Amino acid sequence: MLLKELFTYDDENNTPKYDLIDDITFFIDNDDTLHKEYFLPAVHELKRKKVIDRNSIDEIAPAFKSLVKRGFEMYNEKYKPTGKTEQVFTEKLLLSIARKLAEKHLDYIKSGHYDPKEA
C-alpha cells in the first residue's frame, strides 16, 4: 500500500481509508505526557466520583474527552493528515476514541492498575 493511500478519504462515506480511531488511540496510549497530564487525572476523578463502579462505558468515556482533544492536537501536529482539521477531527470521532479508551482501560482502572504505588 502506498503512503498516499493511507491518508486519503473514501469519498462516498467521507471517512478515512485507514482506521483513524485505532491510530489515534494507539498514539494516545503510547504518549507518556498525555498519560501524566490527562489520563491519570481523569482516572482519579472517575474513581473519586465512583463512576467506575457503575461499569457504564457511556458514563466513563466523557471523562477522556480532554485527553482525546489534546491527543488530536498532538497527532495533527506530528502526522499532518490530509483534509481540513475540523472535517477530520469531528465530535463523533472524538467520542468514538474516548469510548474505545474507556472500554480498553476499564478493567485496569477497576483493578487499581493506575493507582499510585507506595514507595
Protein backbone atom coordinates (compact mmCIF):
# COMPACT_ATOMS: atom_id res chain seq x y z
CA MET A 1 0.00 0.00 0.00
CA LEU A 2 1.25 3.46 -0.83
CA LEU A 3 1.55 6.10 1.86
CA LYS A 4 -0.74 8.30 -0.19
CA GLU A 5 -3.45 5.63 0.06
CA LEU A 6 -3.19 5.60 3.85
CA PHE A 7 -4.14 9.25 4.16
CA THR A 8 -6.92 9.54 1.61
CA TYR A 9 -10.65 9.56 2.14
CA ASP A 10 -13.40 7.29 0.94
CA ASP A 11 -15.46 9.87 -0.97
CA GLU A 12 -18.75 8.01 -0.56
CA ASN A 13 -18.70 7.99 3.24
CA ASN A 14 -16.24 10.85 3.86
CA THR A 15 -14.29 8.53 6.14
CA PRO A 16 -10.57 7.78 6.17
CA LYS A 17 -9.46 4.67 4.30
CA TYR A 18 -7.35 3.68 7.30
CA ASP A 19 -8.70 3.27 10.80
CA LEU A 20 -8.13 6.69 12.31
CA ILE A 21 -9.77 5.65 15.58
CA ASP A 22 -7.26 2.86 16.16
CA ASP A 23 -4.36 5.03 15.02
CA ILE A 24 -5.14 7.92 17.37
CA THR A 25 -5.99 5.55 20.24
CA PHE A 26 -2.59 3.89 19.80
CA PHE A 27 -0.91 7.31 19.66
CA ILE A 28 -2.62 8.43 22.88
CA ASP A 29 -1.90 5.17 24.70
CA ASN A 30 1.80 5.46 23.91
CA ASP A 31 2.41 9.08 24.89
CA ASP A 32 3.68 9.50 28.45
CA THR A 33 2.87 13.22 28.58
CA LEU A 34 -0.78 12.62 27.73
CA HIS A 35 -1.00 9.93 30.38
CA LYS A 36 0.52 12.08 33.10
CA GLU A 37 -1.38 15.27 32.29
CA TYR A 38 -4.79 13.94 31.19
CA PHE A 39 -5.33 10.20 31.58
CA LEU A 40 -4.28 9.68 35.20
CA PRO A 41 -6.19 12.76 36.48
CA ALA A 42 -9.30 11.52 34.62
CA VAL A 43 -8.92 8.07 36.20
CA HIS A 44 -8.51 9.65 39.64
CA GLU A 45 -11.65 11.75 39.13
CA LEU A 46 -13.66 8.74 37.91
CA LYS A 47 -12.64 6.76 40.97
CA ARG A 48 -13.32 9.68 43.31
CA LYS A 49 -16.83 10.07 41.90
CA LYS A 50 -17.29 6.26 41.94
CA VAL A 51 -18.35 6.29 38.28
CA ILE A 52 -16.15 3.24 37.70
CA ASP A 53 -18.35 1.16 39.99
CA ARG A 54 -21.34 1.60 37.67
CA ASN A 55 -19.42 -0.14 34.89
CA SER A 56 -21.01 2.03 32.16
CA ILE A 57 -18.79 2.90 29.21
CA ASP A 58 -21.19 5.70 28.27
CA GLU A 59 -20.62 7.35 31.66
CA ILE A 60 -16.86 6.78 31.69
CA ALA A 61 -15.99 7.87 28.13
CA PRO A 62 -16.75 11.61 28.55
CA ALA A 63 -14.05 11.82 31.22
CA PHE A 64 -11.49 11.17 28.48
CA LYS A 65 -12.65 13.96 26.14
CA SER A 66 -9.91 16.42 27.15
CA LEU A 67 -7.32 13.65 26.74
CA VAL A 68 -8.59 12.89 23.25
CA LYS A 69 -8.75 16.58 22.26
CA ARG A 70 -5.12 17.10 23.27
CA GLY A 71 -4.21 13.82 21.58
CA PHE A 72 -5.88 15.12 18.39
CA GLU A 73 -3.78 18.26 18.52
CA MET A 74 -0.53 16.38 19.05
CA TYR A 75 -1.39 13.80 16.39
CA ASN A 76 -2.27 16.55 13.91
CA GLU A 77 1.00 18.41 14.59
CA LYS A 78 3.08 15.28 14.17
CA TYR A 79 1.42 13.50 11.22
CA LYS A 80 -0.50 16.29 9.45
CA PRO A 81 -3.26 14.13 7.94
CA THR A 82 -4.80 15.41 4.73
CA GLY A 83 -8.07 17.26 4.89
CA LYS A 84 -9.34 20.12 6.98
CA THR A 85 -8.77 19.57 10.66
CA GLU A 86 -12.39 20.30 11.57
CA GLN A 87 -13.57 17.73 9.00
CA VAL A 88 -11.13 15.04 10.11
CA PHE A 89 -11.38 15.52 13.87
CA THR A 90 -15.13 15.60 14.42
CA GLU A 91 -17.09 15.30 17.66
CA LYS A 92 -18.23 11.85 16.53
CA LEU A 93 -14.60 10.75 16.12
CA LEU A 94 -13.69 12.26 19.50
CA LEU A 95 -16.46 10.33 21.26
CA SER A 96 -15.55 7.11 19.42
CA ILE A 97 -11.95 7.36 20.60
CA ALA A 98 -12.97 8.27 24.16
CA ARG A 99 -15.30 5.28 24.18
CA LYS A 100 -12.59 2.97 22.86
CA LEU A 101 -10.19 4.18 25.55
CA ALA A 102 -12.83 3.64 28.23
CA GLU A 103 -13.54 0.11 27.01
CA LYS A 104 -9.85 -0.73 26.82
CA HIS A 105 -8.88 0.62 30.23
CA LEU A 106 -11.97 -0.04 32.38
CA ASP A 107 -10.78 -3.37 33.79
CA TYR A 108 -7.33 -1.93 34.55
CA ILE A 109 -8.84 1.09 36.29
CA LYS A 110 -11.11 -1.11 38.39
CA SER A 111 -8.23 -3.39 39.38
CA GLY A 112 -6.15 -0.44 40.61
CA HIS A 113 -3.53 -0.76 37.91
CA TYR A 114 -3.27 3.04 37.57
CA ASP A 115 -3.34 3.83 41.28
CA PRO A 116 -0.24 5.50 42.75
CA LYS A 117 2.20 2.99 44.16
CA GLU A 118 3.65 3.37 47.64
CA ALA A 119 7.42 3.78 47.79
